C-alpha atoms as a PDB file:
ATOM      1  CA  MET A   1       3.333  10.714 -21.616  1.00  0.00           C
ATOM      2  CA  ALA A   2       1.027  11.074 -24.605  1.00  0.00           C
ATOM      3  CA  ALA A   3       0.356  14.624 -23.491  1.00  0.00           C
ATOM      4  CA  ILE A   4       4.067  15.348 -23.569  1.00  0.00           C
ATOM      5  CA  LEU A   5       4.836  13.900 -26.976  1.00  0.00           C
ATOM      6  CA  ALA A   6       1.914  13.761 -29.372  1.00  0.00           C
ATOM      7  CA  ALA A   7       1.944  10.823 -31.757  1.00  0.00           C
ATOM      8  CA  GLY A   8       3.033  11.642 -35.297  1.00  0.00           C
ATOM      9  CA  ALA A   9       2.492   9.821 -38.537  1.00  0.00           C
ATOM     10  CA  GLY A  10       5.428   8.329 -40.359  1.00  0.00           C
ATOM     11  CA  LEU A  11       7.391   7.162 -37.295  1.00  0.00           C
ATOM     12  CA  HIS A  12       7.803   3.589 -36.199  1.00  0.00           C
ATOM     13  CA  PRO A  13       6.897   2.850 -32.558  1.00  0.00           C
ATOM     14  CA  ALA A  14       9.735   1.882 -30.219  1.00  0.00           C
ATOM     15  CA  ARG A  15       8.977  -1.835 -30.358  1.00  0.00           C
ATOM     16  CA  ASN A  16       9.738  -1.849 -34.094  1.00  0.00           C
ATOM     17  CA  ALA A  17      12.811   0.387 -33.821  1.00  0.00           C
ATOM     18  CA  ALA A  18      15.258  -2.511 -34.229  1.00  0.00           C
ATOM     19  CA  ALA A  19      13.830  -3.272 -37.674  1.00  0.00           C
ATOM     20  CA  ALA A  20      13.674   0.367 -38.786  1.00  0.00           C
ATOM     21  CA  PRO A  21      16.385   2.931 -39.569  1.00  0.00           C
ATOM     22  CA  MET A  22      16.975   5.608 -36.964  1.00  0.00           C
ATOM     23  CA  PRO A  23      14.717   8.582 -37.813  1.00  0.00           C
ATOM     24  CA  ARG A  24      16.346  11.778 -39.010  1.00  0.00           C
ATOM     25  CA  VAL A  25      15.714  14.312 -36.231  1.00  0.00           C
ATOM     26  CA  ALA A  26      15.950  18.103 -36.149  1.00  0.00           C
ATOM     27  CA  ALA A  27      15.822  20.118 -32.928  1.00  0.00           C
ATOM     28  CA  ALA A  28      13.944  23.415 -32.798  1.00  0.00           C
ATOM     29  CA  GLY A  29      14.943  24.198 -29.205  1.00  0.00           C
ATOM     30  CA  TRP A  30      17.830  23.771 -26.796  1.00  0.00           C
ATOM     31  CA  ALA A  31      16.160  21.619 -24.123  1.00  0.00           C
ATOM     32  CA  GLY A  32      15.153  18.982 -26.644  1.00  0.00           C
ATOM     33  CA  ALA A  33      18.590  19.130 -28.267  1.00  0.00           C
ATOM     34  CA  GLN A  34      20.297  18.518 -24.911  1.00  0.00           C
ATOM     35  CA  THR A  35      18.312  15.360 -24.318  1.00  0.00           C
ATOM     36  CA  LEU A  36      18.699  14.114 -27.898  1.00  0.00           C
ATOM     37  CA  LEU A  37      22.470  14.387 -27.524  1.00  0.00           C
ATOM     38  CA  ALA A  38      22.376  12.724 -24.110  1.00  0.00           C
ATOM     39  CA  LEU A  39      20.485   9.832 -25.741  1.00  0.00           C
ATOM     40  CA  GLY A  40      23.168   9.527 -28.411  1.00  0.00           C
ATOM     41  CA  VAL A  41      21.102  11.133 -31.178  1.00  0.00           C
ATOM     42  CA  VAL A  42      22.818  13.976 -33.056  1.00  0.00           C
ATOM     43  CA  PRO A  43      20.230  16.386 -34.479  1.00  0.00           C
ATOM     44  CA  LEU A  44      20.465  17.404 -38.107  1.00  0.00           C
ATOM     45  CA  ALA A  45      20.041  21.075 -37.213  1.00  0.00           C
ATOM     46  CA  LEU A  46      19.571  23.400 -34.241  1.00  0.00           C
ATOM     47  CA  PRO A  47      18.809  27.128 -33.868  1.00  0.00           C
ATOM     48  CA  GLU A  48      21.382  29.588 -32.488  1.00  0.00           C
ATOM     49  CA  ILE A  49      24.274  27.137 -32.349  1.00  0.00           C
ATOM     50  CA  ALA A  50      26.830  29.686 -31.132  1.00  0.00           C
ATOM     51  CA  ARG A  51      24.600  30.627 -28.191  1.00  0.00           C
ATOM     52  CA  TYR A  52      23.977  26.968 -27.383  1.00  0.00           C
ATOM     53  CA  ARG A  53      27.724  26.361 -27.180  1.00  0.00           C
ATOM     54  CA  ALA A  54      28.243  29.471 -25.026  1.00  0.00           C
ATOM     55  CA  LEU A  55      25.236  29.301 -22.716  1.00  0.00           C
ATOM     56  CA  VAL A  56      24.162  25.638 -22.648  1.00  0.00           C
ATOM     57  CA  ALA A  57      27.469  23.905 -23.401  1.00  0.00           C
ATOM     58  CA  GLU A  58      26.527  20.364 -22.362  1.00  0.00           C
ATOM     59  CA  PRO A  59      26.244  17.941 -23.995  1.00  0.00           C
ATOM     60  CA  PRO A  60      28.701  19.355 -26.558  1.00  0.00           C
ATOM     61  CA  LEU A  61      27.299  19.911 -30.028  1.00  0.00           C
ATOM     62  CA  PRO A  62      29.072  18.153 -32.938  1.00  0.00           C
ATOM     63  CA  GLU A  63      30.253  20.222 -35.885  1.00  0.00           C
ATOM     64  CA  SER A  64      27.928  18.288 -38.198  1.00  0.00           C
ATOM     65  CA  VAL A  65      24.837  20.040 -36.788  1.00  0.00           C
ATOM     66  CA  GLN A  66      23.557  22.730 -39.153  1.00  0.00           C
ATOM     67  CA  GLU A  67      22.499  26.227 -38.106  1.00  0.00           C
ATOM     68  CA  LEU A  68      18.711  26.650 -38.112  1.00  0.00           C
ATOM     69  CA  GLY A  69      18.476  30.384 -37.471  1.00  0.00           C
ATOM     70  CA  LEU A  70      16.560  31.825 -34.533  1.00  0.00           C
ATOM     71  CA  ARG A  71      14.623  29.704 -32.060  1.00  0.00           C
ATOM     72  CA  SER A  72      11.655  32.024 -32.574  1.00  0.00           C
ATOM     73  CA  GLU A  73      11.979  31.881 -36.380  1.00  0.00           C
ATOM     74  CA  PRO A  74      13.665  28.656 -37.508  1.00  0.00           C
ATOM     75  CA  ASN A  75      14.689  28.357 -41.139  1.00  0.00           C
ATOM     76  CA  LEU A  76      11.751  26.430 -42.585  1.00  0.00           C
ATOM     77  CA  GLU A  77      13.352  26.127 -46.037  1.00  0.00           C
ATOM     78  CA  LEU A  78      16.403  24.413 -44.572  1.00  0.00           C
ATOM     79  CA  LEU A  79      14.210  22.155 -42.425  1.00  0.00           C
ATOM     80  CA  THR A  80      12.240  21.141 -45.509  1.00  0.00           C
ATOM     81  CA  ALA A  81      15.443  20.400 -47.439  1.00  0.00           C
ATOM     82  CA  LEU A  82      16.802  18.280 -44.563  1.00  0.00           C
ATOM     83  CA  ALA A  83      13.635  16.145 -44.666  1.00  0.00           C
ATOM     84  CA  PRO A  84      13.642  15.126 -40.995  1.00  0.00           C
ATOM     85  CA  HIS A  85      11.451  12.263 -39.803  1.00  0.00           C
ATOM     86  CA  LEU A  86      10.821  14.134 -36.557  1.00  0.00           C
ATOM     87  CA  ILE A  87      11.238  17.675 -35.233  1.00  0.00           C
ATOM     88  CA  VAL A  88      11.755  18.051 -31.477  1.00  0.00           C
ATOM     89  CA  ALA A  89      10.445  21.405 -30.217  1.00  0.00           C
ATOM     90  CA  ASP A  90      10.668  22.876 -26.735  1.00  0.00           C
ATOM     91  CA  ALA A  91       7.527  23.554 -24.722  1.00  0.00           C
ATOM     92  CA  GLY A  92       5.996  26.909 -25.612  1.00  0.00           C
ATOM     93  CA  SER A  93       7.295  26.909 -29.176  1.00  0.00           C
ATOM     94  CA  VAL A  94       5.000  27.660 -32.104  1.00  0.00           C
ATOM     95  CA  THR A  95       4.796  24.261 -33.767  1.00  0.00           C
ATOM     96  CA  SER A  96       2.206  24.671 -36.533  1.00  0.00           C
ATOM     97  CA  PRO A  97       4.756  25.704 -39.232  1.00  0.00           C
ATOM     98  CA  LEU A  98       7.030  22.836 -38.173  1.00  0.00           C
ATOM     99  CA  ALA A  99       4.197  20.315 -38.331  1.00  0.00           C
ATOM    100  CA  ARG A 100       3.775  21.029 -42.046  1.00  0.00           C
ATOM    101  CA  ILE A 101       7.307  19.676 -42.563  1.00  0.00           C
ATOM    102  CA  ALA A 102       7.416  16.656 -40.232  1.00  0.00           C
ATOM    103  CA  PRO A 103       5.755  15.257 -37.096  1.00  0.00           C
ATOM    104  CA  VAL A 104       6.594  17.368 -34.044  1.00  0.00           C
ATOM    105  CA  ALA A 105       7.445  16.094 -30.569  1.00  0.00           C
ATOM    106  CA  THR A 106       7.148  18.740 -27.862  1.00  0.00           C
ATOM    107  CA  PHE A 107       9.781  18.206 -25.196  1.00  0.00           C
ATOM    108  CA  ALA A 108       8.450  19.521 -21.871  1.00  0.00           C
ATOM    109  CA  PRO A 109      10.763  18.876 -18.900  1.00  0.00           C
ATOM    110  CA  LEU A 110       8.899  21.498 -16.824  1.00  0.00           C
ATOM    111  CA  ARG A 111       5.150  21.116 -16.332  1.00  0.00           C
ATOM    112  CA  PRO A 112       2.758  22.880 -13.936  1.00  0.00           C
ATOM    113  CA  GLY A 113       1.917  20.804 -10.896  1.00  0.00           C
ATOM    114  CA  ARG A 114       4.820  18.373 -11.332  1.00  0.00           C
ATOM    115  CA  ARG A 115       8.253  18.330  -9.791  1.00  0.00           C
ATOM    116  CA  PRO A 116      10.748  19.299 -12.515  1.00  0.00           C
ATOM    117  CA  ALA A 117      12.958  16.229 -11.945  1.00  0.00           C
ATOM    118  CA  GLU A 118       9.959  13.904 -12.306  1.00  0.00           C
ATOM    119  CA  ALA A 119       8.671  15.709 -15.403  1.00  0.00           C
ATOM    120  CA  ALA A 120      12.160  15.643 -16.939  1.00  0.00           C
ATOM    121  CA  ARG A 121      12.412  11.873 -16.487  1.00  0.00           C
ATOM    122  CA  GLU A 122       8.994  11.330 -18.063  1.00  0.00           C
ATOM    123  CA  ALA A 123       9.790  13.631 -20.984  1.00  0.00           C
ATOM    124  CA  THR A 124      13.104  11.854 -21.535  1.00  0.00           C
ATOM    125  CA  LEU A 125      11.500   8.407 -21.519  1.00  0.00           C
ATOM    126  CA  ALA A 126       8.747   9.558 -23.882  1.00  0.00           C
ATOM    127  CA  LEU A 127      11.204  11.070 -26.355  1.00  0.00           C
ATOM    128  CA  ALA A 128      13.386   7.965 -26.186  1.00  0.00           C
ATOM    129  CA  ALA A 129      10.370   5.773 -26.919  1.00  0.00           C
ATOM    130  CA  ARG A 130       9.632   7.774 -30.065  1.00  0.00           C
ATOM    131  CA  LEU A 131      13.197   7.173 -31.244  1.00  0.00           C
ATOM    132  CA  GLY A 132      13.646   3.565 -30.177  1.00  0.00           C
ATOM    133  CA  ARG A 133      16.251   4.609 -27.583  1.00  0.00           C
ATOM    134  CA  ASP A 134      14.647   3.065 -24.500  1.00  0.00           C
ATOM    135  CA  ALA A 135      17.842   1.357 -23.316  1.00  0.00           C
ATOM    136  CA  GLU A 136      19.789   4.583 -23.757  1.00  0.00           C
ATOM    137  CA  ALA A 137      17.180   6.440 -21.705  1.00  0.00           C
ATOM    138  CA  GLN A 138      17.457   3.941 -18.860  1.00  0.00           C
ATOM    139  CA  SER A 139      21.246   4.283 -18.939  1.00  0.00           C
ATOM    140  CA  LEU A 140      20.949   8.086 -18.964  1.00  0.00           C
ATOM    141  CA  ILE A 141      18.641   8.058 -15.931  1.00  0.00           C
ATOM    142  CA  ALA A 142      20.890   5.612 -14.049  1.00  0.00           C
ATOM    143  CA  ALA A 143      23.943   7.783 -14.778  1.00  0.00           C
ATOM    144  CA  HIS A 144      22.000  10.863 -13.655  1.00  0.00           C
ATOM    145  CA  GLU A 145      21.141   9.201 -10.337  1.00  0.00           C
ATOM    146  CA  ALA A 146      24.770   8.193  -9.842  1.00  0.00           C
ATOM    147  CA  ARG A 147      25.964  11.744 -10.531  1.00  0.00           C
ATOM    148  CA  LEU A 148      23.539  13.189  -7.997  1.00  0.00           C
ATOM    149  CA  ALA A 149      24.629  10.621  -5.413  1.00  0.00           C
ATOM    150  CA  GLY A 150      28.268  11.472  -6.098  1.00  0.00           C
ATOM    151  CA  ALA A 151      27.602  15.204  -5.735  1.00  0.00           C
ATOM    152  CA  ALA A 152      25.722  14.595  -2.475  1.00  0.00           C
ATOM    153  CA  GLU A 153      28.675  12.649  -1.110  1.00  0.00           C
ATOM    154  CA  ARG A 154      31.143  15.381  -2.053  1.00  0.00           C
ATOM    155  CA  LEU A 155      28.935  18.048  -0.465  1.00  0.00           C
ATOM    156  CA  SER A 156      28.086  16.073   2.669  1.00  0.00           C
ATOM    157  CA  GLY A 157      30.607  18.023   4.741  1.00  0.00           C
ATOM    158  CA  ASP A 158      29.314  21.438   3.660  1.00  0.00           C
ATOM    159  CA  ARG A 159      28.529  23.586   6.717  1.00  0.00           C
ATOM    160  CA  GLY A 160      27.771  26.874   4.977  1.00  0.00           C
ATOM    161  CA  GLY A 161      24.506  28.763   4.954  1.00  0.00           C
ATOM    162  CA  PRO A 162      21.692  28.361   2.434  1.00  0.00           C
ATOM    163  CA  LEU A 163      22.157  29.356  -1.189  1.00  0.00           C
ATOM    164  CA  CYS A 164      20.523  32.169  -3.115  1.00  0.00           C
ATOM    165  CA  LEU A 165      20.556  31.266  -6.813  1.00  0.00           C
ATOM    166  CA  VAL A 166      20.647  34.287  -9.119  1.00  0.00           C
ATOM    167  CA  SER A 167      20.956  34.077 -12.894  1.00  0.00           C
ATOM    168  CA  ASP A 168      20.531  37.728 -13.797  1.00  0.00           C
ATOM    169  CA  ALA A 169      20.714  41.118 -12.109  1.00  0.00           C
ATOM    170  CA  PHE A 170      19.567  44.481 -13.416  1.00  0.00           C
ATOM    171  CA  GLY A 171      19.726  47.662 -11.370  1.00  0.00           C
ATOM    172  CA  ASN A 172      18.290  46.870  -7.964  1.00  0.00           C
ATOM    173  CA  ARG A 173      16.478  43.699  -9.004  1.00  0.00           C
ATOM    174  CA  ALA A 174      17.465  40.078  -9.597  1.00  0.00           C
ATOM    175  CA  LEU A 175      16.105  36.881 -11.133  1.00  0.00           C
ATOM    176  CA  VAL A 176      16.206  34.210  -8.418  1.00  0.00           C
ATOM    177  CA  PHE A 177      15.228  30.526  -8.433  1.00  0.00           C
ATOM    178  CA  GLY A 178      13.002  28.956  -5.823  1.00  0.00           C
ATOM    179  CA  GLY A 179      11.025  25.941  -4.730  1.00  0.00           C
ATOM    180  CA  ASN A 180       9.523  24.668  -7.982  1.00  0.00           C
ATOM    181  CA  SER A 181      12.690  24.956 -10.065  1.00  0.00           C
ATOM    182  CA  LEU A 182      14.889  22.176 -11.418  1.00  0.00           C
ATOM    183  CA  TYR A 183      17.662  23.676  -9.291  1.00  0.00           C
ATOM    184  CA  GLN A 184      15.592  23.095  -6.151  1.00  0.00           C
ATOM    185  CA  ASP A 185      15.247  19.409  -6.975  1.00  0.00           C
ATOM    186  CA  VAL A 186      19.029  19.170  -7.253  1.00  0.00           C
ATOM    187  CA  LEU A 187      19.565  21.067  -3.983  1.00  0.00           C
ATOM    188  CA  ASP A 188      17.203  18.650  -2.243  1.00  0.00           C
ATOM    189  CA  ARG A 189      19.107  15.654  -3.597  1.00  0.00           C
ATOM    190  CA  VAL A 190      22.563  16.928  -2.636  1.00  0.00           C
ATOM    191  CA  GLY A 191      21.575  18.181   0.816  1.00  0.00           C
ATOM    192  CA  LEU A 192      21.763  21.957   0.346  1.00  0.00           C
ATOM    193  CA  ARG A 193      19.143  24.545   1.291  1.00  0.00           C
ATOM    194  CA  ASN A 194      17.648  27.314  -0.819  1.00  0.00           C
ATOM    195  CA  ALA A 195      17.536  30.673   0.971  1.00  0.00           C
ATOM    196  CA  PHE A 196      14.709  31.944  -1.250  1.00  0.00           C
ATOM    197  CA  THR A 197      11.333  30.470  -0.287  1.00  0.00           C
ATOM    198  CA  GLY A 198       9.019  32.965  -1.988  1.00  0.00           C
ATOM    199  CA  ALA A 199       6.540  32.336  -4.773  1.00  0.00           C
ATOM    200  CA  THR A 200       7.902  31.711  -8.271  1.00  0.00           C
ATOM    201  CA  SER A 201       6.658  31.369 -11.827  1.00  0.00           C
ATOM    202  CA  ALA A 202       5.916  28.050 -13.519  1.00  0.00           C
ATOM    203  CA  TRP A 203       9.562  28.109 -14.617  1.00  0.00           C
ATOM    204  CA  GLY A 204      10.738  28.236 -11.008  1.00  0.00           C
ATOM    205  CA  HIS A 205      12.033  31.797 -10.934  1.00  0.00           C
ATOM    206  CA  ALA A 206      10.953  35.186  -9.608  1.00  0.00           C
ATOM    207  CA  THR A 207      12.109  38.784  -9.961  1.00  0.00           C
ATOM    208  CA  VAL A 208      12.867  40.307  -6.566  1.00  0.00           C
ATOM    209  CA  GLY A 209      14.285  43.569  -5.229  1.00  0.00           C
ATOM    210  CA  LEU A 210      17.423  44.109  -3.191  1.00  0.00           C
ATOM    211  CA  ASP A 211      15.279  44.579  -0.078  1.00  0.00           C
ATOM    212  CA  GLN A 212      14.071  40.985  -0.401  1.00  0.00           C
ATOM    213  CA  LEU A 213      17.619  39.714  -0.869  1.00  0.00           C
ATOM    214  CA  ALA A 214      18.798  41.699   2.152  1.00  0.00           C
ATOM    215  CA  ALA A 215      16.069  40.053   4.264  1.00  0.00           C
ATOM    216  CA  LEU A 216      17.277  36.500   3.560  1.00  0.00           C
ATOM    217  CA  ASP A 217      18.936  34.330   6.209  1.00  0.00           C
ATOM    218  CA  PRO A 218      22.050  36.293   7.310  1.00  0.00           C
ATOM    219  CA  THR A 219      24.279  33.288   6.543  1.00  0.00           C
ATOM    220  CA  THR A 220      23.089  33.103   2.924  1.00  0.00           C
ATOM    221  CA  ARG A 221      25.639  32.454   0.174  1.00  0.00           C
ATOM    222  CA  LEU A 222      25.083  33.923  -3.271  1.00  0.00           C
ATOM    223  CA  VAL A 223      25.473  31.643  -6.302  1.00  0.00           C
ATOM    224  CA  LEU A 224      25.617  33.534  -9.595  1.00  0.00           C
ATOM    225  CA  LEU A 225      24.669  31.399 -12.604  1.00  0.00           C
ATOM    226  CA  THR A 226      26.165  33.421 -15.425  1.00  0.00           C
ATOM    227  CA  SER A 227      28.940  33.652 -17.978  1.00  0.00           C
ATOM    228  CA  ARG A 228      28.583  37.432 -18.208  1.00  0.00           C
ATOM    229  CA  VAL A 229      31.058  38.035 -15.396  1.00  0.00           C
ATOM    230  CA  PRO A 230      34.082  35.903 -14.454  1.00  0.00           C
ATOM    231  CA  ASP A 231      34.051  36.679 -10.736  1.00  0.00           C
ATOM    232  CA  ALA A 232      32.329  38.505  -7.885  1.00  0.00           C
ATOM    233  CA  ARG A 233      34.594  41.552  -8.142  1.00  0.00           C
ATOM    234  CA  THR A 234      33.523  42.181 -11.723  1.00  0.00           C
ATOM    235  CA  PHE A 235      29.910  41.703 -10.711  1.00  0.00           C
ATOM    236  CA  LEU A 236      30.273  44.301  -7.936  1.00  0.00           C
ATOM    237  CA  ALA A 237      32.022  46.773 -10.221  1.00  0.00           C
ATOM    238  CA  LEU A 238      29.055  46.648 -12.581  1.00  0.00           C
ATOM    239  CA  ARG A 239      26.397  46.770  -9.846  1.00  0.00           C
ATOM    240  CA  PRO A 240      27.513  49.071  -6.998  1.00  0.00           C
ATOM    241  CA  LEU A 241      24.032  49.091  -5.442  1.00  0.00           C
ATOM    242  CA  TRP A 242      24.584  45.448  -4.455  1.00  0.00           C
ATOM    243  CA  ARG A 243      27.555  46.221  -2.181  1.00  0.00           C
ATOM    244  CA  THR A 244      25.254  46.629   0.819  1.00  0.00           C
ATOM    245  CA  LEU A 245      24.094  43.000   0.711  1.00  0.00           C
ATOM    246  CA  PRO A 246      25.647  40.843   3.460  1.00  0.00           C
ATOM    247  CA  PHE A 247      26.799  37.991   1.201  1.00  0.00           C
ATOM    248  CA  LEU A 248      28.675  40.453  -1.005  1.00  0.00           C
ATOM    249  CA  ARG A 249      30.142  42.468   1.860  1.00  0.00           C
ATOM    250  CA  GLU A 250      31.422  39.249   3.423  1.00  0.00           C
ATOM    251  CA  GLU A 251      32.464  37.687   0.095  1.00  0.00           C
ATOM    252  CA  ARG A 252      30.143  34.700   0.309  1.00  0.00           C
ATOM    253  CA  VAL A 253      29.761  34.531  -3.471  1.00  0.00           C
ATOM    254  CA  THR A 254      30.341  31.747  -5.989  1.00  0.00           C
ATOM    255  CA  VAL A 255      30.085  32.206  -9.761  1.00  0.00           C
ATOM    256  CA  LEU A 256      29.005  29.213 -11.840  1.00  0.00           C
ATOM    257  CA  ALA A 257      28.859  28.970 -15.626  1.00  0.00           C
ATOM    258  CA  ASP A 258      25.475  29.252 -17.322  1.00  0.00           C
ATOM    259  CA  ILE A 259      23.044  26.348 -16.972  1.00  0.00           C
ATOM    260  CA  LEU A 260      19.849  25.899 -18.995  1.00  0.00           C
ATOM    261  CA  PHE A 261      17.317  25.994 -16.175  1.00  0.00           C
ATOM    262  CA  TYR A 262      14.615  24.243 -18.225  1.00  0.00           C
ATOM    263  CA  GLY A 263      16.930  21.707 -19.850  1.00  0.00           C
ATOM    264  CA  GLY A 264      15.963  18.527 -18.011  1.00  0.00           C
ATOM    265  CA  LEU A 265      18.389  15.861 -16.818  1.00  0.00           C
ATOM    266  CA  PRO A 266      21.526  17.190 -18.594  1.00  0.00           C
ATOM    267  CA  SER A 267      21.019  20.573 -16.932  1.00  0.00           C
ATOM    268  CA  ALA A 268      20.476  18.963 -13.536  1.00  0.00           C
ATOM    269  CA  ASP A 269      23.696  16.968 -13.980  1.00  0.00           C
ATOM    270  CA  ARG A 270      25.649  20.105 -14.925  1.00  0.00           C
ATOM    271  CA  PHE A 271      24.304  22.070 -11.943  1.00  0.00           C
ATOM    272  CA  ALA A 272      25.094  19.275  -9.462  1.00  0.00           C
ATOM    273  CA  ARG A 273      28.621  18.854 -10.831  1.00  0.00           C
ATOM    274  CA  LEU A 274      29.441  22.558 -10.833  1.00  0.00           C
ATOM    275  CA  LEU A 275      28.092  22.983  -7.300  1.00  0.00           C
ATOM    276  CA  ALA A 276      30.196  20.078  -6.057  1.00  0.00           C
ATOM    277  CA  GLU A 277      33.294  21.389  -7.824  1.00  0.00           C
ATOM    278  CA  ARG A 278      32.992  24.827  -6.235  1.00  0.00           C
ATOM    279  CA  LEU A 279      31.408  24.204  -2.824  1.00  0.00           C
ATOM    280  CA  ALA A 280      32.679  20.797  -1.700  1.00  0.00           C
ATOM    281  CA  PRO A 281      34.768  21.082   1.504  1.00  0.00           C
ATOM    282  CA  GLY A 282      38.454  21.277   0.715  1.00  0.00           C
ATOM    283  CA  ASN A 283      38.038  22.795  -2.731  1.00  0.00           C
ATOM    284  CA  ALA A 284      35.458  25.541  -2.212  1.00  0.00           C
ATOM    285  CA  ALA A 285      36.156  28.620  -4.273  1.00  0.00           C
ATOM    286  CA  ARG A 286      34.724  32.102  -4.245  1.00  0.00           C
ATOM    287  CA  GLY A 287      34.300  34.434  -7.173  1.00  0.00           C
END
């Protein structure tokens, strides 16, 4: 866990948290912000708040959180004025300017060589330990397990084909999610299959052509993870080249709202819930 969250001066360890005030925390990325909120810690500030509310959505962001500018260029003057005790940055962020303001914890729910669900749990526990929120982290993980079990029960009667998870489409290509994604871990837990078994990036996704999509299992169902279109008909109208694909011709398409694919346990919970709401027998919906 030390590799996930480097120790920073000026913070009390978890065992002394009861005797110390809760640190003032700013979030420099959305994945860390999600988990802070799930642990009951409201960040002082967050970049691109409007986009978080539109594209990430859960947990909801309180109005008290201040706008920090762009994720790639956070407002360092505002951060300095807020005087946080800790800044939580997402993996891959440039942290050296932040570290001149306060200790930085890098939240990394996706790590090479580790299953995303396992890495997300470890990252959550490590962040909670830095904030003295160990009990909250255990409750969060228990609730996460219960939600996955509930989704699995609701989907137990599903008899449809495997799913092809697409979050973006451009021309004759698509961004699909495969075996080392957080989505795959959820599919495994709720008893659904992923139609795409090809190689993916460290983030769990790959860019593929329509020929590769057409070659998937003929019973494949398409799941669009996007807020850009409200339904499959709109999607087709914007991308006529896709009409030849079997799952579109036969209307085996479900549109889900956006989900932060690197967001850790809150994202996994959101994906499992939305899948169960749309695909569970008796209330399955297309488009």
